[in-house]
Amino acid sequence: MGIYEKSLFIFEMANNHQGSVEHGKRIISEIRKICDEFKEFDFAFKFQYRDLDTFIHPDYKGRSDIKNVKRFQDTRLSKEQFEELLKEVRENNFLAICTPFDEVSVDTIAEQKYDYIKIASCSFSDWPLLEKIAEKKMPVIASGAGSDINAVCNVVQFFNNRDIDFSLLHCVAEYPTANIDLQMNQIDYYRTEFPDLRIGFSTHEDPDNMLPVKIAIAKGAVIFEKHVGVPTEEIVLNGYSANPEQVRKWLYAAREAYEICGISGARYNPTEKESADLAALKRGVFVKSTLHKDQIIENKDIYLAFPCKPGQLVASDLSKYNKIRILKDVLNKDTPIMCDDVVIHNTSADILTVVKELIELLKESKVVVPAGSSCEISHHYGIEHFHKTGVAMIDCVNREYCKKILVLLPGQEHPAHYHVKKEETFVILHGTLSITLDGDTKVLHKGDLMTIERNVVHSFSSSEGCIFEEISSTHYLNDSYYMNEDEFVRPRKTKVHFTKEMLSAINGNGS
């Protein structure tokens, strides 16, 4: 049986064997019958070892007025008897786990080759015991009930530093635990504090209470521990130990919780029904004006309306990154555009490649991009031709005065145009810029400055790549007049928002 291939459910026998090997075997056998119904889980039985000859102080041996001293002595089993129970665990295909409460018991556990050592909450900071456990290099599961976070961090670090497989269980050591004291949010806390650990839940609530295991599963626990026993005419179980039928209900509750929680660690795939139900509520794309074969659809050519037809192009297909080409003439107004009538090319990967190149050039230049800046990638002939014709314009300030940072990649050019309202001055910050004003070409180098007055036709390019600052009067939309504008694609700009991570990469700090 593999370890941690599935969620692990641990059945804690503790002293519920009542000092009888045969009764212990009965508990294992009856729980095994229940587990056979739940192939999706892994299961383990757990014992507790105390070397009672050294564990109990000599002055207290034989005392019956101290509950736990009497309990431990009355249910005592020998090493050989535990070996018999361990054999029963193995034959019933359970993993074997044992909790030691003293150093002698640690040696016995290692000698008997248990799969895991379990650290009880009362022993969580018992450093002599932890040192002994660490010597064995066995996988460890620990419950941290009642320990403050500093103690928990110290124990986690102790085992991590020794490269020992370590799992941590949230546990409340009240027997039984009322709902108000279960503190289930501690599972979230552990998962946040220790993201590399397997986190579980050791439970002591009323065994008829199925809600906590569902909550634990929803919060991401993967190990679950419960006290179990088998009642008889003479044996009455305590308030936190589950009988076999309660174990069955517990596991069914766990199964139901996993079914409700669904897939973990990845986005789920919708059912056909969900997809169909959602599609029926979406707005469809309809023809506003005649479309011709191979035409790229623009907003002016279409409109959105409800309801849509099955297989129709819908609003969610109209991303700014989707370039949609029509495959045949569509002449009639109000005709639905079907998915089979178009080819969609998603340009997001192309944009991402461009952004990465811009960041690398900006890093190389050591030009600082102010926080809050946005970037327009201007691709006059389409993003697929951006490396030949285009520019990236980083908008910093646009008031009565305006500042932009313009980035040309190596080999890029920007087409001839002029402005009617805006006057601008270029300051070269990195690389070289070849600029043409009314037919006169000059090459500008780092530190050079050039002013472009209103109505002056200008174009620019860079063979090696260039970053320059544009300082100007207020920038107005539709104030750029291109000589060959009829050839351009629509839309010809894609806006990119710089994330904190992008700005940090560019500026070399935590911006």
Protein backbone atom coordinates (compact mmCIF):
# COMPACT_ATOMS: atom_id res chain seq x y z
CA MET A 1 0.00 0.00 0.00
CA GLY A 2 1.39 3.39 -0.98
CA ILE A 3 1.88 6.08 1.60
CA TYR A 4 -0.13 9.27 1.04
CA GLU A 5 -1.36 8.26 -2.36
CA LYS A 6 -4.82 9.26 -1.10
CA SER A 7 -6.27 11.02 1.91
CA LEU A 8 -5.29 9.09 5.04
CA PHE A 9 -7.82 8.12 7.72
CA ILE A 10 -6.24 6.98 10.98
CA PHE A 11 -8.15 4.86 13.50
CA GLU A 12 -6.80 5.44 16.99
CA MET A 13 -7.29 2.37 19.19
CA ALA A 14 -5.57 3.93 22.24
CA ASN A 15 -6.67 1.81 25.22
CA ASN A 16 -9.97 0.74 23.66
CA HIS A 17 -8.56 -2.78 23.30
CA GLN A 18 -9.29 -2.92 27.06
CA GLY A 19 -6.15 -4.97 27.65
CA SER A 20 -7.48 -7.80 25.49
CA VAL A 21 -5.70 -8.88 22.33
CA GLU A 22 -8.84 -10.63 21.09
CA HIS A 23 -10.95 -7.51 21.56
CA GLY A 24 -8.27 -5.45 19.81
CA LYS A 25 -8.40 -7.86 16.87
CA ARG A 26 -12.18 -7.54 16.79
CA ILE A 27 -11.91 -3.76 16.52
CA ILE A 28 -9.44 -4.07 13.62
CA SER A 29 -11.58 -6.67 11.84
CA GLU A 30 -14.86 -4.77 12.14
CA ILE A 31 -13.33 -1.50 11.01
CA ARG A 32 -11.72 -3.29 8.05
CA LYS A 33 -15.18 -4.38 6.83
CA ILE A 34 -16.25 -0.74 6.85
CA CYS A 35 -13.13 0.44 5.02
CA ASP A 36 -13.71 -2.00 2.18
CA GLU A 37 -16.57 0.25 1.09
CA PHE A 38 -14.21 3.22 0.59
CA LYS A 39 -11.52 2.37 -1.95
CA GLU A 40 -10.76 6.07 -2.56
CA PHE A 41 -9.06 6.47 0.85
CA ASP A 42 -5.99 5.07 2.60
CA PHE A 43 -6.38 3.75 6.14
CA ALA A 44 -4.16 3.21 9.16
CA PHE A 45 -4.52 1.84 12.68
CA LYS A 46 -2.71 3.51 15.53
CA PHE A 47 -1.61 2.19 18.92
CA GLN A 48 -0.11 3.90 21.95
CA TYR A 49 3.06 2.61 23.62
CA ARG A 50 4.09 3.32 27.19
CA ASP A 51 6.83 1.44 28.98
CA LEU A 52 4.79 1.40 32.18
CA ASP A 53 7.63 0.04 34.33
CA THR A 54 9.54 3.30 33.79
CA PHE A 55 6.73 5.61 32.60
CA ILE A 56 4.79 5.66 35.90
CA HIS A 57 6.57 7.04 38.96
CA PRO A 58 7.26 4.32 41.55
CA ASP A 59 5.16 6.10 44.20
CA TYR A 60 2.08 5.95 41.92
CA LYS A 61 2.24 2.38 40.72
CA GLY A 62 -0.83 0.39 41.66
CA ARG A 63 -2.85 3.50 42.50
CA SER A 64 -6.53 3.41 41.49
CA ASP A 65 -7.46 6.94 42.59
CA ILE A 66 -5.74 8.58 39.59
CA LYS A 67 -7.84 7.92 36.46
CA ASN A 68 -5.12 7.63 33.85
CA VAL A 69 -2.72 5.65 36.04
CA LYS A 70 -5.50 3.12 36.68
CA ARG A 71 -6.54 3.15 33.00
CA PHE A 72 -3.02 2.52 31.70
CA GLN A 73 -2.36 -0.29 34.19
CA ASP A 74 -5.75 -1.99 33.73
CA THR A 75 -5.35 -2.12 29.93
CA ARG A 76 -1.69 -3.07 29.87
CA LEU A 77 -0.45 -5.24 26.98
CA SER A 78 2.97 -6.76 26.64
CA LYS A 79 5.34 -6.14 23.77
CA GLU A 80 4.47 -9.58 22.39
CA GLN A 81 0.75 -8.87 22.57
CA PHE A 82 1.18 -5.62 20.68
CA GLU A 83 3.18 -7.52 18.09
CA GLU A 84 0.17 -9.81 17.66
CA LEU A 85 -2.10 -6.81 17.15
CA LEU A 86 0.39 -5.29 14.73
CA LYS A 87 0.34 -8.51 12.72
CA GLU A 88 -3.46 -8.24 12.58
CA VAL A 89 -3.15 -4.67 11.29
CA ARG A 90 -0.79 -5.80 8.54
CA GLU A 91 -2.97 -8.75 7.52
CA ASN A 92 -5.94 -6.40 7.19
CA ASN A 93 -3.96 -4.08 4.88
CA PHE A 94 -3.82 -1.10 7.22
CA LEU A 95 -0.83 1.18 7.56
CA ALA A 96 0.62 0.93 11.05
CA ILE A 97 1.16 3.99 13.26
CA CYS A 98 2.16 4.19 16.90
CA THR A 99 2.45 6.96 19.50
CA PRO A 100 5.33 6.62 21.99
CA PHE A 101 5.21 8.42 25.31
CA ASP A 102 8.77 7.57 26.35
CA GLU A 103 12.14 6.79 24.81
CA VAL A 104 11.95 3.03 25.39
CA SER A 105 8.74 2.94 23.36
CA VAL A 106 10.43 4.78 20.48
CA ASP A 107 13.00 1.98 20.24
CA THR A 108 10.20 -0.61 20.24
CA ILE A 109 8.32 1.18 17.46
CA ALA A 110 11.42 1.32 15.28
CA GLU A 111 12.25 -2.31 16.02
CA GLN A 112 8.73 -3.41 15.04
CA LYS A 113 8.94 -1.39 11.79
CA TYR A 114 5.85 0.77 12.02
CA ASP A 115 5.13 3.02 9.03
CA TYR A 116 4.85 6.21 11.09
CA ILE A 117 5.58 7.59 14.52
CA LYS A 118 2.81 9.78 15.89
CA ILE A 119 3.56 12.57 18.37
CA ALA A 120 0.70 13.21 20.79
CA SER A 121 -0.27 16.77 21.68
CA CYS A 122 0.88 16.31 25.28
CA SER A 123 4.34 15.34 23.97
CA PHE A 124 4.57 18.01 21.29
CA SER A 125 7.37 19.92 23.04
CA ASP A 126 8.86 16.98 24.91
CA TRP A 127 12.33 17.65 23.51
CA PRO A 128 14.09 14.56 24.93
CA LEU A 129 11.37 12.43 23.30
CA LEU A 130 11.56 14.38 20.02
CA GLU A 131 15.34 13.93 19.90
CA LYS A 132 14.87 10.20 20.30
CA ILE A 133 12.18 10.09 17.61
CA ALA A 134 14.38 12.05 15.20
CA GLU A 135 17.16 9.49 15.59
CA LYS A 136 14.96 6.88 13.91
CA LYS A 137 14.50 8.89 10.69
CA MET A 138 10.94 7.58 10.39
CA PRO A 139 8.05 9.62 8.95
CA VAL A 140 6.35 11.64 11.69
CA ILE A 141 2.79 12.84 12.21
CA ALA A 142 2.26 15.30 15.06
CA SER A 143 -0.75 16.85 16.79
CA GLY A 144 -0.18 20.34 18.15
CA ALA A 145 -3.15 20.88 20.48
CA GLY A 146 -2.53 23.57 23.09
CA SER A 147 0.88 24.62 21.73
CA ASP A 148 1.54 28.25 20.84
CA ILE A 149 2.76 29.11 17.36
CA ASN A 150 6.37 29.56 18.47
CA ALA A 151 6.41 25.99 19.76
CA VAL A 152 4.80 24.73 16.57
CA CYS A 153 7.35 26.58 14.41
CA ASN A 154 10.21 25.21 16.49
CA VAL A 155 9.00 21.62 16.13
CA VAL A 156 8.38 21.98 12.39
CA GLN A 157 11.85 23.45 11.92
CA PHE A 158 13.39 20.73 14.11
CA PHE A 159 12.14 17.95 11.83
CA ASN A 160 12.64 19.89 8.60
CA ASN A 161 16.27 20.54 9.50
CA ARG A 162 16.75 16.80 9.88
CA ASP A 163 15.06 16.07 6.55
CA ILE A 164 12.36 13.97 8.22
CA ASP A 165 8.98 13.56 6.53
CA PHE A 166 6.67 15.56 8.81
CA SER A 167 2.90 16.11 8.84
CA LEU A 168 1.01 18.41 11.20
CA LEU A 169 -2.50 17.87 12.56
CA HIS A 170 -4.82 20.49 13.98
CA CYS A 171 -6.19 19.09 17.21
CA VAL A 172 -8.16 20.30 20.24
CA ALA A 173 -7.46 18.23 23.33
CA GLU A 174 -10.87 18.39 24.97
CA TYR A 175 -12.57 15.00 25.27
CA PRO A 176 -15.13 15.26 23.73
CA THR A 177 -14.79 18.63 21.95
CA ALA A 178 -17.87 20.85 21.62
CA ASN A 179 -18.50 22.57 18.28
CA ILE A 180 -17.72 25.97 19.75
CA ASP A 181 -14.21 24.76 20.69
CA LEU A 182 -13.25 22.96 17.46
CA GLN A 183 -11.30 25.95 15.98
CA MET A 184 -11.48 24.59 12.44
CA ASN A 185 -9.97 27.75 10.97
CA GLN A 186 -6.65 26.61 12.42
CA ILE A 187 -6.41 24.29 9.41
CA ASP A 188 -6.31 27.38 7.17
CA TYR A 189 -3.76 28.94 9.51
CA TYR A 190 -1.47 25.92 9.40
CA ARG A 191 -1.75 25.67 5.61
CA THR A 192 -0.78 29.34 5.28
CA GLU A 193 2.08 29.18 7.80
CA PHE A 194 3.44 25.84 6.56
CA PRO A 195 2.55 25.55 2.85
CA ASP A 196 4.97 22.67 2.27
CA LEU A 197 3.49 20.41 4.98
CA ARG A 198 0.61 17.96 4.81
CA ILE A 199 -1.99 19.30 7.22
CA GLY A 200 -4.62 17.17 8.91
CA PHE A 201 -7.28 17.07 11.62
CA SER A 202 -7.27 14.95 14.76
CA THR A 203 -10.82 14.85 15.97
CA HIS A 204 -12.38 14.40 19.42
CA GLU A 205 -15.94 15.63 18.84
CA ASP A 206 -19.07 13.56 19.51
CA PRO A 207 -18.79 10.61 17.06
CA ASP A 208 -22.32 11.32 15.77
CA ASN A 209 -21.21 14.80 14.64
CA MET A 210 -20.35 14.55 10.92
CA LEU A 211 -19.94 18.27 10.23
CA PRO A 212 -16.29 18.72 11.37
CA VAL A 213 -14.83 16.20 8.93
CA LYS A 214 -16.69 17.93 6.07
CA ILE A 215 -15.31 21.30 7.13
CA ALA A 216 -11.79 19.87 7.48
CA ILE A 217 -11.93 18.45 3.96
CA ALA A 218 -13.23 21.74 2.56
CA LYS A 219 -10.31 23.52 4.22
CA GLY A 220 -7.77 21.21 2.60
CA ALA A 221 -6.89 18.72 5.35
CA VAL A 222 -5.56 15.42 3.98
CA ILE A 223 -5.09 13.37 7.19
CA PHE A 224 -7.93 12.53 9.59
CA GLU A 225 -7.64 10.80 12.96
CA LYS A 226 -10.48 9.42 15.11
CA HIS A 227 -10.64 7.21 18.21
CA VAL A 228 -12.50 3.95 17.52
CA GLY A 229 -13.76 1.00 19.50
CA VAL A 230 -16.37 -1.75 19.65
CA PRO A 231 -18.91 -1.66 22.49
CA THR A 232 -20.08 -4.86 24.21
CA GLU A 233 -22.36 -5.62 27.12
CA GLU A 234 -19.40 -4.95 29.39
CA ILE A 235 -17.61 -2.23 27.38
CA VAL A 236 -19.06 1.27 27.03
CA LEU A 237 -17.19 3.60 24.69
CA ASN A 238 -16.19 7.06 25.86
CA GLY A 239 -17.77 10.23 24.47
CA TYR A 240 -15.28 10.66 21.60
CA SER A 241 -14.70 7.09 20.35
CA ALA A 242 -16.69 5.92 17.31
CA ASN A 243 -18.22 2.48 16.92
CA PRO A 244 -18.07 0.78 13.49
CA GLU A 245 -21.41 2.17 12.31
CA GLN A 246 -20.35 5.69 13.33
CA VAL A 247 -17.08 5.14 11.44
CA ARG A 248 -19.12 4.20 8.36
CA LYS A 249 -21.16 7.41 8.63
CA TRP A 250 -17.95 9.40 9.20
CA LEU A 251 -16.40 8.03 6.02
CA TYR A 252 -19.59 8.57 4.03
CA ALA A 253 -19.58 12.17 5.25
CA ALA A 254 -15.98 12.48 4.06
CA ARG A 255 -16.88 11.01 0.67
CA GLU A 256 -19.79 13.43 0.33
CA ALA A 257 -17.54 16.36 1.26
CA TYR A 258 -14.98 15.39 -1.40
CA GLU A 259 -17.75 15.08 -3.98
CA ILE A 260 -19.08 18.52 -3.07
CA CYS A 261 -15.61 20.14 -2.99
CA GLY A 262 -14.71 18.67 -6.37
CA ILE A 263 -11.39 19.02 -8.13
CA SER A 264 -8.46 20.51 -6.22
CA GLY A 265 -5.41 22.36 -7.53
CA ALA A 266 -6.80 22.99 -11.01
CA ARG A 267 -9.71 24.71 -12.68
CA TYR A 268 -12.70 22.41 -13.14
CA ASN A 269 -14.18 21.54 -16.54
CA PRO A 270 -17.87 22.48 -16.85
CA THR A 271 -20.40 19.79 -17.66
CA GLU A 272 -22.12 19.82 -21.04
CA LYS A 273 -25.33 20.90 -19.32
CA GLU A 274 -23.64 23.82 -17.54
CA SER A 275 -22.04 24.97 -20.79
CA ALA A 276 -25.36 24.72 -22.65
CA ASP A 277 -27.27 26.55 -19.89
CA LEU A 278 -24.75 29.39 -19.84
CA ALA A 279 -24.60 29.64 -23.63
CA ALA A 280 -28.37 30.09 -23.75
CA LEU A 281 -28.08 33.23 -21.59
CA LYS A 282 -25.29 34.94 -23.55
CA ARG A 283 -25.60 37.77 -26.05
CA GLY A 284 -24.96 36.73 -29.64
CA VAL A 285 -23.01 38.60 -32.34
CA PHE A 286 -25.17 39.88 -35.24
CA VAL A 287 -24.37 41.64 -38.51
CA LYS A 288 -24.84 45.43 -38.55
CA SER A 289 -23.45 46.04 -42.02
CA THR A 290 -22.33 43.85 -44.92
CA LEU A 291 -19.31 41.62 -44.24
CA HIS A 292 -17.09 40.27 -47.01
CA LYS A 293 -14.90 37.18 -47.17
CA ASP A 294 -11.51 37.58 -45.39
CA GLN A 295 -12.65 40.82 -43.71
CA ILE A 296 -11.47 41.37 -40.13
CA ILE A 297 -14.54 42.09 -38.03
CA GLU A 298 -14.61 45.45 -36.25
CA ASN A 299 -17.05 46.77 -33.65
CA LYS A 300 -18.71 49.00 -36.27
CA ASP A 301 -19.67 45.93 -38.30
CA ILE A 302 -21.60 44.09 -35.58
CA TYR A 303 -23.92 44.40 -32.59
CA LEU A 304 -24.82 42.21 -29.61
CA ALA A 305 -28.31 40.98 -28.76
CA PHE A 306 -30.19 38.27 -26.88
CA PRO A 307 -31.02 35.46 -27.49
CA CYS A 308 -28.26 33.71 -29.37
CA LYS A 309 -28.38 30.51 -31.38
CA PRO A 310 -26.40 27.35 -30.59
CA GLY A 311 -22.99 27.63 -32.23
CA GLN A 312 -23.21 31.40 -32.64
CA LEU A 313 -20.34 33.81 -31.98
CA VAL A 314 -21.02 35.42 -28.57
CA ALA A 315 -19.87 38.46 -26.60
CA SER A 316 -17.13 36.56 -24.78
CA ASP A 317 -15.47 35.88 -28.15
CA LEU A 318 -14.90 39.62 -28.66
CA SER A 319 -11.76 39.93 -26.53
CA LYS A 320 -9.35 42.68 -27.55
CA TYR A 321 -6.84 39.88 -28.13
CA ASN A 322 -9.08 38.03 -30.62
CA LYS A 323 -8.71 38.87 -34.30
CA ILE A 324 -11.81 37.50 -36.04
CA ARG A 325 -11.75 36.92 -39.81
CA ILE A 326 -14.96 36.20 -41.74
CA LEU A 327 -14.83 33.20 -44.11
CA LYS A 328 -17.69 34.13 -46.46
CA ASP A 329 -19.80 37.07 -47.50
CA VAL A 330 -22.62 37.93 -45.10
CA LEU A 331 -24.90 40.44 -46.78
CA ASN A 332 -28.04 40.57 -44.69
CA LYS A 333 -28.37 42.86 -41.69
CA ASP A 334 -29.32 41.16 -38.36
CA THR A 335 -27.89 37.82 -39.51
CA PRO A 336 -26.27 35.84 -36.65
CA ILE A 337 -22.55 35.22 -37.15
CA MET A 338 -21.84 31.55 -36.51
CA CYS A 339 -18.56 30.19 -35.16
CA ASP A 340 -18.19 28.09 -38.32
CA ASP A 341 -18.28 31.32 -40.36
CA VAL A 342 -15.10 32.79 -38.82
CA VAL A 343 -11.50 32.07 -37.89
CA ILE A 344 -10.34 33.44 -34.54
CA HIS A 345 -6.68 34.20 -33.92
CA ASN A 346 -5.84 34.96 -30.29
CA THR A 347 -2.93 37.42 -30.06
CA SER A 348 -2.39 37.26 -26.29
CA ALA A 349 0.73 35.08 -26.69
CA ASP A 350 2.13 37.60 -29.21
CA ILE A 351 1.43 40.48 -26.81
CA LEU A 352 3.10 38.60 -23.95
CA THR A 353 6.22 38.05 -26.09
CA VAL A 354 6.34 41.76 -26.93
CA VAL A 355 5.92 42.78 -23.27
CA LYS A 356 8.81 40.50 -22.24
CA GLU A 357 11.04 42.11 -24.90
CA LEU A 358 10.06 45.60 -23.77
CA ILE A 359 10.85 44.77 -20.14
CA GLU A 360 14.28 43.40 -21.09
CA LEU A 361 15.16 46.55 -23.08
CA LEU A 362 13.92 48.82 -20.27
CA LYS A 363 15.97 46.84 -17.72
CA GLU A 364 19.06 47.18 -19.92
CA SER A 365 18.52 50.95 -20.27
CA LYS A 366 17.99 51.50 -16.52
CA VAL A 367 15.18 53.92 -17.41
CA VAL A 368 12.75 54.20 -14.49
CA VAL A 369 9.07 53.67 -15.27
CA PRO A 370 6.85 55.49 -12.75
CA ALA A 371 4.35 53.48 -10.72
CA GLY A 372 0.85 53.66 -12.16
CA SER A 373 2.05 53.92 -15.75
CA SER A 374 0.18 52.14 -18.50
CA CYS A 375 1.48 51.06 -21.88
CA GLU A 376 -0.06 51.15 -25.35
CA ILE A 377 1.40 48.76 -27.90
CA SER A 378 0.80 50.36 -31.30
CA HIS A 379 0.79 47.74 -34.08
CA HIS A 380 -0.24 49.56 -37.24
CA TYR A 381 -0.21 46.50 -39.51
CA GLY A 382 -1.17 43.94 -36.87
CA ILE A 383 0.70 42.44 -33.94
CA GLU A 384 2.27 39.85 -36.26
CA HIS A 385 4.14 42.72 -37.97
CA PHE A 386 4.94 44.63 -34.77
CA HIS A 387 8.68 43.95 -34.87
CA LYS A 388 8.84 45.79 -38.20
CA THR A 389 6.28 48.57 -37.68
CA GLY A 390 5.11 49.78 -34.29
CA VAL A 391 6.07 51.40 -31.00
CA ALA A 392 5.32 50.98 -27.30
CA MET A 393 4.11 54.17 -25.61
CA ILE A 394 4.24 54.33 -21.81
CA ASP A 395 1.90 57.03 -20.52
CA CYS A 396 3.28 58.70 -17.39
CA VAL A 397 1.53 62.09 -17.14
CA ASN A 398 -1.12 63.79 -19.30
CA ARG A 399 -2.20 67.22 -17.97
CA GLU A 400 -1.49 70.64 -19.48
CA TYR A 401 1.89 69.03 -19.91
CA CYS A 402 2.48 65.44 -20.95
CA LYS A 403 5.23 62.88 -20.48
CA LYS A 404 5.57 59.54 -22.24
CA ILE A 405 8.34 56.99 -22.53
CA LEU A 406 8.53 55.51 -26.03
CA VAL A 407 10.24 52.20 -26.75
CA LEU A 408 11.39 51.04 -30.19
CA LEU A 409 12.69 47.48 -30.43
CA PRO A 410 15.70 46.83 -32.69
CA GLY A 411 14.76 47.16 -36.37
CA GLN A 412 11.42 48.82 -35.67
CA GLU A 413 10.00 51.87 -37.41
CA HIS A 414 7.06 54.19 -36.78
CA PRO A 415 5.09 55.52 -39.80
CA ALA A 416 4.98 59.15 -40.93
CA HIS A 417 2.37 61.31 -39.17
CA TYR A 418 1.77 64.76 -37.70
CA HIS A 419 -0.16 66.41 -34.85
CA VAL A 420 -2.38 69.46 -35.08
CA LYS A 421 -2.85 70.25 -31.35
CA LYS A 422 0.29 68.79 -29.78
CA GLU A 423 3.88 70.01 -29.83
CA GLU A 424 6.43 67.53 -28.54
CA THR A 425 10.09 67.24 -27.63
CA PHE A 426 12.06 63.99 -27.78
CA VAL A 427 14.94 63.30 -25.35
CA ILE A 428 17.02 60.21 -26.15
CA LEU A 429 17.58 58.07 -23.02
CA HIS A 430 19.02 54.88 -24.54
CA GLY A 431 20.22 53.76 -27.97
CA THR A 432 19.95 55.76 -31.19
CA LEU A 433 16.95 57.16 -33.06
CA SER A 434 16.76 57.95 -36.78
CA ILE A 435 14.10 60.66 -37.17
CA THR A 436 12.76 62.23 -40.35
CA LEU A 437 11.13 65.70 -40.20
CA ASP A 438 9.47 66.88 -43.45
CA GLY A 439 11.85 64.67 -45.44
CA ASP A 440 15.04 65.62 -43.55
CA THR A 441 16.60 62.69 -41.59
CA LYS A 442 18.82 63.00 -38.53
CA VAL A 443 20.31 60.45 -36.15
CA LEU A 444 19.94 61.22 -32.44
CA HIS A 445 22.09 59.68 -29.70
CA LYS A 446 21.71 59.37 -25.93
CA GLY A 447 21.25 62.84 -24.46
CA ASP A 448 20.18 64.47 -27.74
CA LEU A 449 17.00 66.53 -27.85
CA MET A 450 14.67 67.43 -30.71
CA THR A 451 11.40 69.39 -30.80
CA ILE A 452 8.66 68.54 -33.31
CA GLU A 453 6.33 71.44 -33.88
CA ARG A 454 2.65 71.19 -34.78
CA ASN A 455 1.78 70.04 -38.34
CA VAL A 456 5.33 68.79 -39.00
CA VAL A 457 5.29 65.36 -40.64
CA HIS A 458 7.69 63.02 -38.85
CA SER A 459 8.61 59.36 -38.70
CA PHE A 460 11.32 57.52 -36.78
CA SER A 461 13.11 54.18 -36.55
CA SER A 462 15.97 52.46 -34.70
CA SER A 463 18.34 49.77 -35.88
CA GLU A 464 19.64 48.89 -32.39
CA GLY A 465 16.60 49.77 -30.30
CA CYS A 466 15.85 53.09 -28.62
CA ILE A 467 14.12 54.47 -25.55
CA PHE A 468 13.25 58.13 -25.54
CA GLU A 469 11.20 60.53 -23.50
CA GLU A 470 8.40 62.51 -25.12
CA ILE A 471 7.65 65.77 -23.30
CA SER A 472 4.74 67.63 -24.86
CA SER A 473 1.66 69.74 -24.49
CA THR A 474 -1.54 67.87 -23.65
CA HIS A 475 -2.10 64.70 -25.64
CA TYR A 476 -5.51 64.44 -27.37
CA LEU A 477 -7.10 61.36 -28.85
CA ASN A 478 -7.38 61.39 -32.65
CA ASP A 479 -4.67 64.05 -32.95
CA SER A 480 -2.30 61.79 -34.87
CA TYR A 481 -2.74 62.03 -38.66
CA TYR A 482 -0.99 59.30 -40.65
CA MET A 483 -0.06 59.48 -44.33
CA ASN A 484 -1.12 55.86 -45.02
CA GLU A 485 -3.82 55.42 -42.38
CA ASP A 486 -6.15 53.54 -44.74
CA GLU A 487 -3.73 50.58 -44.69
CA PHE A 488 -3.80 50.16 -40.90
CA VAL A 489 -5.61 47.44 -39.00
CA ARG A 490 -8.42 48.20 -36.54
CA PRO A 491 -7.92 48.36 -33.67
CA ARG A 492 -4.27 49.23 -34.04
CA LYS A 493 -3.43 49.58 -30.31
CA THR A 494 -3.47 47.18 -27.37
CA LYS A 495 -3.35 48.59 -23.86
CA VAL A 496 -1.20 46.76 -21.31
CA HIS A 497 -1.28 47.49 -17.58
CA PHE A 498 2.07 47.12 -15.84
CA THR A 499 1.78 44.91 -12.75
CA LYS A 500 3.86 45.46 -9.62
CA GLU A 501 5.97 42.49 -10.66
CA MET A 502 6.63 44.00 -14.08
CA LEU A 503 7.61 47.37 -12.60
CA SER A 504 9.84 45.65 -10.06
CA ALA A 505 11.58 43.75 -12.89
CA ILE A 506 12.03 46.96 -14.91
CA ASN A 507 13.15 49.24 -12.08
CA GLY A 508 15.10 46.63 -10.13
CA ASN A 509 13.30 47.26 -6.85
CA GLY A 510 10.07 46.51 -5.00
CA SER A 511 7.96 49.06 -6.85
